[in-house]
Amino acid sequence: MSQFSAVTLEETALQSLRSCRHFLIDHLDMAPAEAHTYTQGLAGIAMSRLTERSETYGICRLAQEMGIGHYQELLIDSYRIVYRFWPDENQASIYLFAHQRQDFKQLLFEYQLLR
């Protein structure tokens, strides 16, 4: 029987969700209410999946190529959800929501996740 993990949304995750919402509105002509609903749903799905199976998703290869091996990633609807699993605390911290077409290196610098 698997124990459920606690999942937190870090400030960088909230900032990146706002950026995703603005992208949907500005570049895909999505209505603001629809973009808000979509990004809230994305966060909800990510938190639900990580609550149930935080430890099972793979290492974030793009971060690992940059020498950062402690981030894992979950893919949902062309979005990369970058998080870290803390096994001793049985907790996952979500740090970033990013579309797969976004410049990942730029996002790591922008959100100061290169630690």
PDB file of N, CA and C in Angstrom:
ATOM      1  N   MET A   1       0.832  -1.173   0.000  1.00  0.00           N
ATOM      2  CA  MET A   1       0.000   0.000   0.000  1.00  0.00           C
ATOM      3  C   MET A   1       0.883   1.244   0.000  1.00  0.00           C
ATOM      4  N   SER A   2       0.635   2.145  -0.898  1.00  0.00           N
ATOM      5  CA  SER A   2       1.419   3.359  -1.051  1.00  0.00           C
ATOM      6  C   SER A   2       0.886   4.462  -0.140  1.00  0.00           C
ATOM      7  N   GLN A   3       1.819   5.205   0.452  1.00  0.00           N
ATOM      8  CA  GLN A   3       1.439   6.334   1.292  1.00  0.00           C
ATOM      9  C   GLN A   3       1.340   7.584   0.423  1.00  0.00           C
ATOM     10  N   PHE A   4       0.322   8.389   0.633  1.00  0.00           N
ATOM     11  CA  PHE A   4       0.151   9.609  -0.144  1.00  0.00           C
ATOM     12  C   PHE A   4       1.180  10.648   0.270  1.00  0.00           C
ATOM     13  N   SER A   5       1.629  11.432  -0.700  1.00  0.00           N
ATOM     14  CA  SER A   5       2.608  12.487  -0.453  1.00  0.00           C
ATOM     15  C   SER A   5       1.913  13.825  -0.262  1.00  0.00           C
ATOM     16  N   ALA A   6       2.527  14.665   0.551  1.00  0.00           N
ATOM     17  CA  ALA A   6       2.087  16.060   0.651  1.00  0.00           C
ATOM     18  C   ALA A   6       2.688  16.792  -0.545  1.00  0.00           C
ATOM     19  N   VAL A   7       1.919  17.676  -1.166  1.00  0.00           N
ATOM     20  CA  VAL A   7       2.394  18.410  -2.344  1.00  0.00           C
ATOM     21  C   VAL A   7       2.204  19.900  -2.093  1.00  0.00           C
ATOM     22  N   THR A   8       3.262  20.668  -2.357  1.00  0.00           N
ATOM     23  CA  THR A   8       3.176  22.121  -2.220  1.00  0.00           C
ATOM     24  C   THR A   8       3.501  22.783  -3.552  1.00  0.00           C
ATOM     25  N   LEU A   9       2.862  23.923  -3.773  1.00  0.00           N
ATOM     26  CA  LEU A   9       3.164  24.765  -4.933  1.00  0.00           C
ATOM     27  C   LEU A   9       4.075  25.882  -4.447  1.00  0.00           C
ATOM     28  N   GLU A  10       5.309  25.886  -4.914  1.00  0.00           N
ATOM     29  CA  GLU A  10       6.250  26.936  -4.536  1.00  0.00           C
ATOM     30  C   GLU A  10       5.901  28.230  -5.270  1.00  0.00           C
ATOM     31  N   GLU A  11       6.440  29.341  -4.808  1.00  0.00           N
ATOM     32  CA  GLU A  11       6.157  30.640  -5.416  1.00  0.00           C
ATOM     33  C   GLU A  11       6.507  30.646  -6.906  1.00  0.00           C
ATOM     34  N   THR A  12       7.598  29.979  -7.279  1.00  0.00           N
ATOM     35  CA  THR A  12       7.980  29.932  -8.698  1.00  0.00           C
ATOM     36  C   THR A  12       6.935  29.202  -9.531  1.00  0.00           C
ATOM     37  N   ALA A  13       6.299  28.192  -8.945  1.00  0.00           N
ATOM     38  CA  ALA A  13       5.233  27.473  -9.657  1.00  0.00           C
ATOM     39  C   ALA A  13       4.047  28.394  -9.901  1.00  0.00           C
ATOM     40  N   LEU A  14       3.692  29.179  -8.897  1.00  0.00           N
ATOM     41  CA  LEU A  14       2.572  30.112  -9.053  1.00  0.00           C
ATOM     42  C   LEU A  14       2.886  31.180 -10.099  1.00  0.00           C
ATOM     43  N   GLN A  15       4.126  31.684 -10.088  1.00  0.00           N
ATOM     44  CA  GLN A  15       4.540  32.672 -11.092  1.00  0.00           C
ATOM     45  C   GLN A  15       4.491  32.077 -12.494  1.00  0.00           C
ATOM     46  N   SER A  16       4.973  30.844 -12.624  1.00  0.00           N
ATOM     47  CA  SER A  16       4.990  30.224 -13.951  1.00  0.00           C
ATOM     48  C   SER A  16       3.574  29.902 -14.437  1.00  0.00           C
ATOM     49  N   LEU A  17       2.652  29.590 -13.526  1.00  0.00           N
ATOM     50  CA  LEU A  17       1.251  29.389 -13.917  1.00  0.00           C
ATOM     51  C   LEU A  17       0.649  30.685 -14.454  1.00  0.00           C
ATOM     52  N   ARG A  18       0.981  31.811 -13.813  1.00  0.00           N
ATOM     53  CA  ARG A  18       0.510  33.108 -14.317  1.00  0.00           C
ATOM     54  C   ARG A  18       1.068  33.374 -15.708  1.00  0.00           C
ATOM     55  N   SER A  19       2.340  33.043 -15.922  1.00  0.00           N
ATOM     56  CA  SER A  19       2.943  33.217 -17.250  1.00  0.00           C
ATOM     57  C   SER A  19       2.255  32.336 -18.286  1.00  0.00           C
ATOM     58  N   CYS A  20       1.930  31.116 -17.906  1.00  0.00           N
ATOM     59  CA  CYS A  20       1.202  30.217 -18.815  1.00  0.00           C
ATOM     60  C   CYS A  20      -0.158  30.810 -19.169  1.00  0.00           C
ATOM     61  N   ARG A  21      -0.847  31.345 -18.171  1.00  0.00           N
ATOM     62  CA  ARG A  21      -2.160  31.948 -18.390  1.00  0.00           C
ATOM     63  C   ARG A  21      -2.051  33.141 -19.342  1.00  0.00           C
ATOM     64  N   HIS A  22      -1.053  33.994 -19.150  1.00  0.00           N
ATOM     65  CA  HIS A  22      -0.866  35.150 -20.035  1.00  0.00           C
ATOM     66  C   HIS A  22      -0.523  34.714 -21.454  1.00  0.00           C
ATOM     67  N   PHE A  23       0.255  33.649 -21.585  1.00  0.00           N
ATOM     68  CA  PHE A  23       0.579  33.127 -22.910  1.00  0.00           C
ATOM     69  C   PHE A  23      -0.691  32.662 -23.619  1.00  0.00           C
ATOM     70  N   LEU A  24      -1.537  31.934 -22.917  1.00  0.00           N
ATOM     71  CA  LEU A  24      -2.784  31.446 -23.516  1.00  0.00           C
ATOM     72  C   LEU A  24      -3.670  32.600 -23.975  1.00  0.00           C
ATOM     73  N   ILE A  25      -3.719  33.658 -23.194  1.00  0.00           N
ATOM     74  CA  ILE A  25      -4.549  34.820 -23.529  1.00  0.00           C
ATOM     75  C   ILE A  25      -3.936  35.612 -24.680  1.00  0.00           C
ATOM     76  N   ASP A  26      -2.645  35.912 -24.581  1.00  0.00           N
ATOM     77  CA  ASP A  26      -1.980  36.796 -25.543  1.00  0.00           C
ATOM     78  C   ASP A  26      -1.667  36.142 -26.881  1.00  0.00           C
ATOM     79  N   HIS A  27      -1.302  34.869 -26.862  1.00  0.00           N
ATOM     80  CA  HIS A  27      -0.837  34.222 -28.088  1.00  0.00           C
ATOM     81  C   HIS A  27      -1.815  33.220 -28.687  1.00  0.00           C
ATOM     82  N   LEU A  28      -2.699  32.701 -27.874  1.00  0.00           N
ATOM     83  CA  LEU A  28      -3.659  31.717 -28.380  1.00  0.00           C
ATOM     84  C   LEU A  28      -5.082  32.250 -28.352  1.00  0.00           C
ATOM     85  N   ASP A  29      -5.219  33.531 -28.045  1.00  0.00           N
ATOM     86  CA  ASP A  29      -6.522  34.210 -28.035  1.00  0.00           C
ATOM     87  C   ASP A  29      -7.572  33.499 -27.184  1.00  0.00           C
ATOM     88  N   MET A  30      -7.130  32.911 -26.095  1.00  0.00           N
ATOM     89  CA  MET A  30      -8.061  32.261 -25.182  1.00  0.00           C
ATOM     90  C   MET A  30      -8.676  33.348 -24.289  1.00  0.00           C
ATOM     91  N   ALA A  31      -9.935  33.207 -23.995  1.00  0.00           N
ATOM     92  CA  ALA A  31     -10.598  34.154 -23.092  1.00  0.00           C
ATOM     93  C   ALA A  31      -9.957  34.070 -21.705  1.00  0.00           C
ATOM     94  N   PRO A  32      -9.829  35.191 -21.003  1.00  0.00           N
ATOM     95  CA  PRO A  32      -9.192  35.172 -19.680  1.00  0.00           C
ATOM     96  C   PRO A  32      -9.795  34.148 -18.714  1.00  0.00           C
ATOM     97  N   ALA A  33     -11.106  34.053 -18.670  1.00  0.00           N
ATOM     98  CA  ALA A  33     -11.741  33.088 -17.762  1.00  0.00           C
ATOM     99  C   ALA A  33     -11.393  31.653 -18.151  1.00  0.00           C
ATOM    100  N   GLU A  34     -11.352  31.396 -19.445  1.00  0.00           N
ATOM    101  CA  GLU A  34     -11.007  30.055 -19.933  1.00  0.00           C
ATOM    102  C   GLU A  34      -9.547  29.730 -19.612  1.00  0.00           C
ATOM    103  N   ALA A  35      -8.653  30.696 -19.807  1.00  0.00           N
ATOM    104  CA  ALA A  35      -7.231  30.496 -19.504  1.00  0.00           C
ATOM    105  C   ALA A  35      -7.037  30.240 -18.011  1.00  0.00           C
ATOM    106  N   HIS A  36      -7.761  30.972 -17.190  1.00  0.00           N
ATOM    107  CA  HIS A  36      -7.675  30.783 -15.741  1.00  0.00           C
ATOM    108  C   HIS A  36      -8.142  29.374 -15.359  1.00  0.00           C
ATOM    109  N   THR A  37      -9.264  28.964 -15.908  1.00  0.00           N
ATOM    110  CA  THR A  37      -9.796  27.630 -15.628  1.00  0.00           C
ATOM    111  C   THR A  37      -8.816  26.548 -16.075  1.00  0.00           C
ATOM    112  N   TYR A  38      -8.219  26.743 -17.252  1.00  0.00           N
ATOM    113  CA  TYR A  38      -7.273  25.753 -17.773  1.00  0.00           C
ATOM    114  C   TYR A  38      -6.057  25.616 -16.855  1.00  0.00           C
ATOM    115  N   THR A  39      -5.450  26.750 -16.477  1.00  0.00           N
ATOM    116  CA  THR A  39      -4.240  26.676 -15.652  1.00  0.00           C
ATOM    117  C   THR A  39      -4.550  26.156 -14.249  1.00  0.00           C
ATOM    118  N   GLN A  40      -5.712  26.498 -13.709  1.00  0.00           N
ATOM    119  CA  GLN A  40      -6.097  25.953 -12.406  1.00  0.00           C
ATOM    120  C   GLN A  40      -6.302  24.440 -12.502  1.00  0.00           C
ATOM    121  N   GLY A  41      -6.890  23.996 -13.607  1.00  0.00           N
ATOM    122  CA  GLY A  41      -7.067  22.564 -13.828  1.00  0.00           C
ATOM    123  C   GLY A  41      -5.742  21.839 -13.965  1.00  0.00           C
ATOM    124  N   LEU A  42      -4.807  22.460 -14.673  1.00  0.00           N
ATOM    125  CA  LEU A  42      -3.467  21.892 -14.839  1.00  0.00           C
ATOM    126  C   LEU A  42      -2.796  21.716 -13.478  1.00  0.00           C
ATOM    127  N   ALA A  43      -2.876  22.735 -12.639  1.00  0.00           N
ATOM    128  CA  ALA A  43      -2.298  22.653 -11.296  1.00  0.00           C
ATOM    129  C   ALA A  43      -2.990  21.564 -10.472  1.00  0.00           C
ATOM    130  N   GLY A  44      -4.300  21.479 -10.576  1.00  0.00           N
ATOM    131  CA  GLY A  44      -5.047  20.470  -9.833  1.00  0.00           C
ATOM    132  C   GLY A  44      -4.690  19.049 -10.236  1.00  0.00           C
ATOM    133  N   ILE A  45      -4.571  18.820 -11.543  1.00  0.00           N
ATOM    134  CA  ILE A  45      -4.188  17.487 -12.035  1.00  0.00           C
ATOM    135  C   ILE A  45      -2.786  17.134 -11.553  1.00  0.00           C
ATOM    136  N   ALA A  46      -1.862  18.093 -11.662  1.00  0.00           N
ATOM    137  CA  ALA A  46      -0.482  17.848 -11.230  1.00  0.00           C
ATOM    138  C   ALA A  46      -0.434  17.503  -9.745  1.00  0.00           C
ATOM    139  N   MET A  47      -1.128  18.269  -8.940  1.00  0.00           N
ATOM    140  CA  MET A  47      -1.116  18.011  -7.495  1.00  0.00           C
ATOM    141  C   MET A  47      -1.739  16.657  -7.163  1.00  0.00           C
ATOM    142  N   SER A  48      -2.804  16.304  -7.858  1.00  0.00           N
ATOM    143  CA  SER A  48      -3.452  15.017  -7.629  1.00  0.00           C
ATOM    144  C   SER A  48      -2.521  13.855  -7.979  1.00  0.00           C
ATOM    145  N   ARG A  49      -1.896  13.942  -9.147  1.00  0.00           N
ATOM    146  CA  ARG A  49      -0.992  12.854  -9.561  1.00  0.00           C
ATOM    147  C   ARG A  49       0.215  12.741  -8.644  1.00  0.00           C
ATOM    148  N   LEU A  50       0.762  13.885  -8.232  1.00  0.00           N
ATOM    149  CA  LEU A  50       1.932  13.840  -7.360  1.00  0.00           C
ATOM    150  C   LEU A  50       1.569  13.400  -5.948  1.00  0.00           C
ATOM    151  N   THR A  51       0.373  13.693  -5.503  1.00  0.00           N
ATOM    152  CA  THR A  51      -0.076  13.211  -4.196  1.00  0.00           C
ATOM    153  C   THR A  51      -0.077  11.684  -4.185  1.00  0.00           C
ATOM    154  N   GLU A  52      -0.496  11.102  -5.302  1.00  0.00           N
ATOM    155  CA  GLU A  52      -0.617   9.646  -5.379  1.00  0.00           C
ATOM    156  C   GLU A  52       0.692   8.936  -5.708  1.00  0.00           C
ATOM    157  N   ARG A  53       1.567   9.578  -6.533  1.00  0.00           N
ATOM    158  CA  ARG A  53       2.749   8.856  -7.022  1.00  0.00           C
ATOM    159  C   ARG A  53       3.973   9.762  -7.219  1.00  0.00           C
ATOM    160  N   SER A  54       4.303  10.594  -6.280  1.00  0.00           N
ATOM    161  CA  SER A  54       5.417  11.540  -6.432  1.00  0.00           C
ATOM    162  C   SER A  54       6.736  10.875  -6.792  1.00  0.00           C
ATOM    163  N   GLU A  55       6.986   9.742  -6.181  1.00  0.00           N
ATOM    164  CA  GLU A  55       8.294   9.100  -6.334  1.00  0.00           C
ATOM    165  C   GLU A  55       8.466   8.381  -7.667  1.00  0.00           C
ATOM    166  N   THR A  56       7.411   8.193  -8.439  1.00  0.00           N
ATOM    167  CA  THR A  56       7.501   7.327  -9.615  1.00  0.00           C
ATOM    168  C   THR A  56       7.865   8.020 -10.923  1.00  0.00           C
ATOM    169  N   TYR A  57       7.762   9.338 -10.996  1.00  0.00           N
ATOM    170  CA  TYR A  57       8.046  10.028 -12.258  1.00  0.00           C
ATOM    171  C   TYR A  57       9.548  10.218 -12.427  1.00  0.00           C
ATOM    172  N   GLY A  58       9.968  10.303 -13.683  1.00  0.00           N
ATOM    173  CA  GLY A  58      11.387  10.326 -14.009  1.00  0.00           C
ATOM    174  C   GLY A  58      12.105  11.629 -13.690  1.00  0.00           C
ATOM    175  N   ILE A  59      13.417  11.512 -13.716  1.00  0.00           N
ATOM    176  CA  ILE A  59      14.293  12.674 -13.552  1.00  0.00           C
ATOM    177  C   ILE A  59      14.067  13.612 -14.731  1.00  0.00           C
ATOM    178  N   CYS A  60      14.133  14.893 -14.489  1.00  0.00           N
ATOM    179  CA  CYS A  60      14.006  15.890 -15.556  1.00  0.00           C
ATOM    180  C   CYS A  60      15.313  15.884 -16.352  1.00  0.00           C
ATOM    181  N   ARG A  61      15.279  15.287 -17.540  1.00  0.00           N
ATOM    182  CA  ARG A  61      16.498  15.130 -18.340  1.00  0.00           C
ATOM    183  C   ARG A  61      17.124  16.455 -18.744  1.00  0.00           C
ATOM    184  N   LEU A  62      16.302  17.441 -19.077  1.00  0.00           N
ATOM    185  CA  LEU A  62      16.857  18.735 -19.477  1.00  0.00           C
ATOM    186  C   LEU A  62      17.623  19.387 -18.335  1.00  0.00           C
ATOM    187  N   ALA A  63      17.131  19.276 -17.128  1.00  0.00           N
ATOM    188  CA  ALA A  63      17.852  19.808 -15.971  1.00  0.00           C
ATOM    189  C   ALA A  63      19.105  18.978 -15.708  1.00  0.00           C
ATOM    190  N   GLN A  64      18.988  17.669 -15.859  1.00  0.00           N
ATOM    191  CA  GLN A  64      20.128  16.792 -15.620  1.00  0.00           C
ATOM    192  C   GLN A  64      21.263  17.085 -16.598  1.00  0.00           C
ATOM    193  N   GLU A  65      20.925  17.407 -17.843  1.00  0.00           N
ATOM    194  CA  GLU A  65      21.943  17.771 -18.831  1.00  0.00           C
ATOM    195  C   GLU A  65      22.714  19.018 -18.416  1.00  0.00           C
ATOM    196  N   MET A  66      22.109  19.831 -17.563  1.00  0.00           N
ATOM    197  CA  MET A  66      22.753  21.044 -17.068  1.00  0.00           C
ATOM    198  C   MET A  66      23.431  20.807 -15.716  1.00  0.00           C
ATOM    199  N   GLY A  67      23.496  19.551 -15.295  1.00  0.00           N
ATOM    200  CA  GLY A  67      24.151  19.213 -14.044  1.00  0.00           C
ATOM    201  C   GLY A  67      23.265  19.305 -12.814  1.00  0.00           C
ATOM    202  N   ILE A  68      21.954  19.402 -13.017  1.00  0.00           N
ATOM    203  CA  ILE A  68      21.007  19.502 -11.905  1.00  0.00           C
ATOM    204  C   ILE A  68      20.203  18.208 -11.876  1.00  0.00           C
ATOM    205  N   GLY A  69      20.524  17.327 -10.947  1.00  0.00           N
ATOM    206  CA  GLY A  69      19.920  16.006 -10.957  1.00  0.00           C
ATOM    207  C   GLY A  69      18.807  15.768  -9.966  1.00  0.00           C
ATOM    208  N   HIS A  70      18.388  16.780  -9.225  1.00  0.00           N
ATOM    209  CA  HIS A  70      17.392  16.533  -8.177  1.00  0.00           C
ATOM    210  C   HIS A  70      15.960  16.859  -8.579  1.00  0.00           C
ATOM    211  N   TYR A  71      15.745  17.343  -9.796  1.00  0.00           N
ATOM    212  CA  TYR A  71      14.375  17.635 -10.232  1.00  0.00           C
ATOM    213  C   TYR A  71      13.796  16.458 -11.000  1.00  0.00           C
ATOM    214  N   GLN A  72      12.520  16.228 -10.793  1.00  0.00           N
ATOM    215  CA  GLN A  72      11.772  15.236 -11.555  1.00  0.00           C
ATOM    216  C   GLN A  72      10.740  15.983 -12.379  1.00  0.00           C
ATOM    217  N   GLU A  73      10.148  15.290 -13.359  1.00  0.00           N
ATOM    218  CA  GLU A  73       9.144  15.965 -14.174  1.00  0.00           C
ATOM    219  C   GLU A  73       7.959  15.063 -14.449  1.00  0.00           C
ATOM    220  N   LEU A  74       6.840  15.721 -14.588  1.00  0.00           N
ATOM    221  CA  LEU A  74       5.571  15.098 -14.920  1.00  0.00           C
ATOM    222  C   LEU A  74       5.058  15.833 -16.149  1.00  0.00           C
ATOM    223  N   LEU A  75       4.642  15.106 -17.172  1.00  0.00           N
ATOM    224  CA  LEU A  75       4.131  15.730 -18.391  1.00  0.00           C
ATOM    225  C   LEU A  75       2.610  15.622 -18.431  1.00  0.00           C
ATOM    226  N   ILE A  76       1.966  16.777 -18.656  1.00  0.00           N
ATOM    227  CA  ILE A  76       0.507  16.839 -18.773  1.00  0.00           C
ATOM    228  C   ILE A  76       0.175  17.807 -19.899  1.00  0.00           C
ATOM    229  N   ASP A  77      -0.541  17.347 -20.916  1.00  0.00           N
ATOM    230  CA  ASP A  77      -1.019  18.223 -21.998  1.00  0.00           C
ATOM    231  C   ASP A  77       0.057  19.148 -22.556  1.00  0.00           C
ATOM    232  N   SER A  78       1.195  18.622 -22.928  1.00  0.00           N
ATOM    233  CA  SER A  78       2.313  19.395 -23.487  1.00  0.00           C
ATOM    234  C   SER A  78       2.954  20.343 -22.484  1.00  0.00           C
ATOM    235  N   TYR A  79       2.647  20.194 -21.213  1.00  0.00           N
ATOM    236  CA  TYR A  79       3.274  21.000 -20.168  1.00  0.00           C
ATOM    237  C   TYR A  79       4.184  20.114 -19.334  1.00  0.00           C
ATOM    238  N   ARG A  80       5.329  20.658 -19.018  1.00  0.00           N
ATOM    239  CA  ARG A  80       6.312  19.998 -18.162  1.00  0.00           C
ATOM    240  C   ARG A  80       6.117  20.581 -16.760  1.00  0.00           C
ATOM    241  N   ILE A  81       5.859  19.717 -15.797  1.00  0.00           N
ATOM    242  CA  ILE A  81       5.739  20.141 -14.408  1.00  0.00           C
ATOM    243  C   ILE A  81       7.000  19.645 -13.710  1.00  0.00           C
ATOM    244  N   VAL A  82       7.811  20.593 -13.260  1.00  0.00           N
ATOM    245  CA  VAL A  82       9.096  20.274 -12.646  1.00  0.00           C
ATOM    246  C   VAL A  82       8.928  20.352 -11.127  1.00  0.00           C
ATOM    247  N   TYR A  83       9.353  19.290 -10.453  1.00  0.00           N
ATOM    248  CA  TYR A  83       9.186  19.221  -9.005  1.00  0.00           C
ATOM    249  C   TYR A  83      10.350  18.481  -8.377  1.00  0.00           C
ATOM    250  N   ARG A  84      10.407  18.561  -7.072  1.00  0.00           N
ATOM    251  CA  ARG A  84      11.410  17.813  -6.325  1.00  0.00           C
ATOM    252  C   ARG A  84      10.680  16.980  -5.277  1.00  0.00           C
ATOM    253  N   PHE A  85      11.082  15.717  -5.180  1.00  0.00           N
ATOM    254  CA  PHE A  85      10.495  14.819  -4.189  1.00  0.00           C
ATOM    255  C   PHE A  85      11.472  14.673  -3.027  1.00  0.00           C
ATOM    256  N   TRP A  86      10.959  14.884  -1.834  1.00  0.00           N
ATOM    257  CA  TRP A  86      11.740  14.770  -0.605  1.00  0.00           C
ATOM    258  C   TRP A  86      11.304  13.481   0.094  1.00  0.00           C
ATOM    259  N   PRO A  87      12.012  12.346  -0.128  1.00  0.00           N
ATOM    260  CA  PRO A  87      11.547  11.061   0.406  1.00  0.00           C
ATOM    261  C   PRO A  87      11.471  10.998   1.932  1.00  0.00           C
ATOM    262  N   ASP A  88      12.401  11.636   2.633  1.00  0.00           N
ATOM    263  CA  ASP A  88      12.374  11.573   4.100  1.00  0.00           C
ATOM    264  C   ASP A  88      11.117  12.210   4.680  1.00  0.00           C
ATOM    265  N   GLU A  89      10.624  13.251   4.001  1.00  0.00           N
ATOM    266  CA  GLU A  89       9.407  13.932   4.450  1.00  0.00           C
ATOM    267  C   GLU A  89       8.164  13.445   3.712  1.00  0.00           C
ATOM    268  N   ASN A  90       8.376  12.594   2.689  1.00  0.00           N
ATOM    269  CA  ASN A  90       7.290  12.144   1.819  1.00  0.00           C
ATOM    270  C   ASN A  90       6.510  13.349   1.285  1.00  0.00           C
ATOM    271  N   GLN A  91       7.271  14.295   0.728  1.00  0.00           N
ATOM    272  CA  GLN A  91       6.690  15.543   0.239  1.00  0.00           C
ATOM    273  C   GLN A  91       7.247  15.868  -1.139  1.00  0.00           C
ATOM    274  N   ALA A  92       6.399  16.456  -1.970  1.00  0.00           N
ATOM    275  CA  ALA A  92       6.818  16.942  -3.286  1.00  0.00           C
ATOM    276  C   ALA A  92       6.586  18.449  -3.335  1.00  0.00           C
ATOM    277  N   SER A  93       7.551  19.157  -3.901  1.00  0.00           N
ATOM    278  CA  SER A  93       7.446  20.605  -4.082  1.00  0.00           C
ATOM    279  C   SER A  93       7.463  20.892  -5.571  1.00  0.00           C
ATOM    280  N   ILE A  94       6.384  21.480  -6.086  1.00  0.00           N
ATOM    281  CA  ILE A  94       6.319  21.846  -7.501  1.00  0.00           C
ATOM    282  C   ILE A  94       6.971  23.210  -7.662  1.00  0.00           C
ATOM    283  N   TYR A  95       7.917  23.290  -8.621  1.00  0.00           N
ATOM    284  CA  TYR A  95       8.670  24.522  -8.838  1.00  0.00           C
ATOM    285  C   TYR A  95       8.332  25.231 -10.138  1.00  0.00           C
ATOM    286  N   LEU A  96       7.863  24.491 -11.149  1.00  0.00           N
ATOM    287  CA  LEU A  96       7.719  25.124 -12.459  1.00  0.00           C
ATOM    288  C   LEU A  96       6.675  24.414 -13.308  1.00  0.00           C
ATOM    289  N   PHE A  97       5.859  25.213 -13.984  1.00  0.00           N
ATOM    290  CA  PHE A  97       4.966  24.751 -15.040  1.00  0.00           C
ATOM    291  C   PHE A  97       5.479  25.395 -16.317  1.00  0.00           C
ATOM    292  N   ALA A  98       5.773  24.590 -17.336  1.00  0.00           N
ATOM    293  CA  ALA A  98       6.315  25.152 -18.575  1.00  0.00           C
ATOM    294  C   ALA A  98       5.823  24.356 -19.769  1.00  0.00           C
ATOM    295  N   HIS A  99       5.448  25.070 -20.813  1.00  0.00           N
ATOM    296  CA  HIS A  99       5.085  24.398 -22.056  1.00  0.00           C
ATOM    297  C   HIS A  99       6.351  23.771 -22.623  1.00  0.00           C
ATOM    298  N   GLN A 100       6.218  22.619 -23.259  1.00  0.00           N
ATOM    299  CA  GLN A 100       7.389  21.914 -23.784  1.00  0.00           C
ATOM    300  C   GLN A 100       8.138  22.709 -24.843  1.00  0.00           C
ATOM    301  N   ARG A 101       7.490  23.685 -25.459  1.00  0.00           N
ATOM    302  CA  ARG A 101       8.157  24.488 -26.484  1.00  0.00           C
ATOM    303  C   ARG A 101       8.909  25.685 -25.909  1.00  0.00           C
ATOM    304  N   GLN A 102       8.753  25.933 -24.627  1.00  0.00           N
ATOM    305  CA  GLN A 102       9.455  27.058 -24.017  1.00  0.00           C
ATOM    306  C   GLN A 102      10.931  26.722 -23.840  1.00  0.00           C
ATOM    307  N   ASP A 103      11.767  27.756 -23.820  1.00  0.00           N
ATOM    308  CA  ASP A 103      13.209  27.603 -23.621  1.00  0.00           C
ATOM    309  C   ASP A 103      13.454  27.235 -22.158  1.00  0.00           C
ATOM    310  N   PHE A 104      13.758  25.970 -21.930  1.00  0.00           N
ATOM    311  CA  PHE A 104      13.869  25.461 -20.570  1.00  0.00           C
ATOM    312  C   PHE A 104      15.025  26.109 -19.811  1.00  0.00           C
ATOM    313  N   LYS A 105      16.173  26.273 -20.463  1.00  0.00           N
ATOM    314  CA  LYS A 105      17.315  26.912 -19.802  1.00  0.00           C
ATOM    315  C   LYS A 105      16.951  28.321 -19.349  1.00  0.00           C
ATOM    316  N   GLN A 106      16.284  29.058 -20.222  1.00  0.00           N
ATOM    317  CA  GLN A 106      15.874  30.416 -19.880  1.00  0.00           C
ATOM    318  C   GLN A 106      14.951  30.416 -18.661  1.00  0.00           C
ATOM    319  N   LEU A 107      14.038  29.458 -18.608  1.00  0.00           N
ATOM    320  CA  LEU A 107      13.115  29.385 -17.473  1.00  0.00           C
ATOM    321  C   LEU A 107      13.841  29.057 -16.169  1.00  0.00           C
ATOM    322  N   LEU A 108      14.830  28.165 -16.231  1.00  0.00           N
ATOM    323  CA  LEU A 108      15.592  27.844 -15.025  1.00  0.00           C
ATOM    324  C   LEU A 108      16.314  29.076 -14.495  1.00  0.00           C
ATOM    325  N   PHE A 109      16.881  29.870 -15.409  1.00  0.00           N
ATOM    326  CA  PHE A 109      17.536  31.111 -14.989  1.00  0.00           C
ATOM    327  C   PHE A 109      16.512  32.116 -14.473  1.00  0.00           C
ATOM    328  N   GLU A 110      15.431  32.286 -15.214  1.00  0.00           N
ATOM    329  CA  GLU A 110      14.405  33.268 -14.862  1.00  0.00           C
ATOM    330  C   GLU A 110      13.817  33.008 -13.473  1.00  0.00           C
ATOM    331  N   TYR A 111      13.558  31.759 -13.181  1.00  0.00           N
ATOM    332  CA  TYR A 111      12.961  31.413 -11.895  1.00  0.00           C
ATOM    333  C   TYR A 111      13.999  30.992 -10.854  1.00  0.00           C
ATOM    334  N   GLN A 112      15.270  31.161 -11.188  1.00  0.00           N
ATOM    335  CA  GLN A 112      16.388  30.894 -10.279  1.00  0.00           C
ATOM    336  C   GLN A 112      16.330  29.489  -9.676  1.00  0.00           C
ATOM    337  N   LEU A 113      16.158  28.513 -10.545  1.00  0.00           N
ATOM    338  CA  LEU A 113      16.068  27.123 -10.091  1.00  0.00           C
ATOM    339  C   LEU A 113      17.367  26.355 -10.307  1.00  0.00           C
ATOM    340  N   LEU A 114      18.445  27.066 -10.582  1.00  0.00           N
ATOM    341  CA  LEU A 114      19.721  26.408 -10.847  1.00  0.00           C
ATOM    342  C   LEU A 114      20.475  26.121  -9.552  1.00  0.00           C
ATOM    343  N   ARG A 115      19.823  25.458  -8.627  1.00  0.00           N
ATOM    344  CA  ARG A 115      20.465  25.117  -7.354  1.00  0.00           C
ATOM    345  C   ARG A 115      20.377  23.632  -7.137  1.00  0.00           C
TER     346      ARG A 115
END
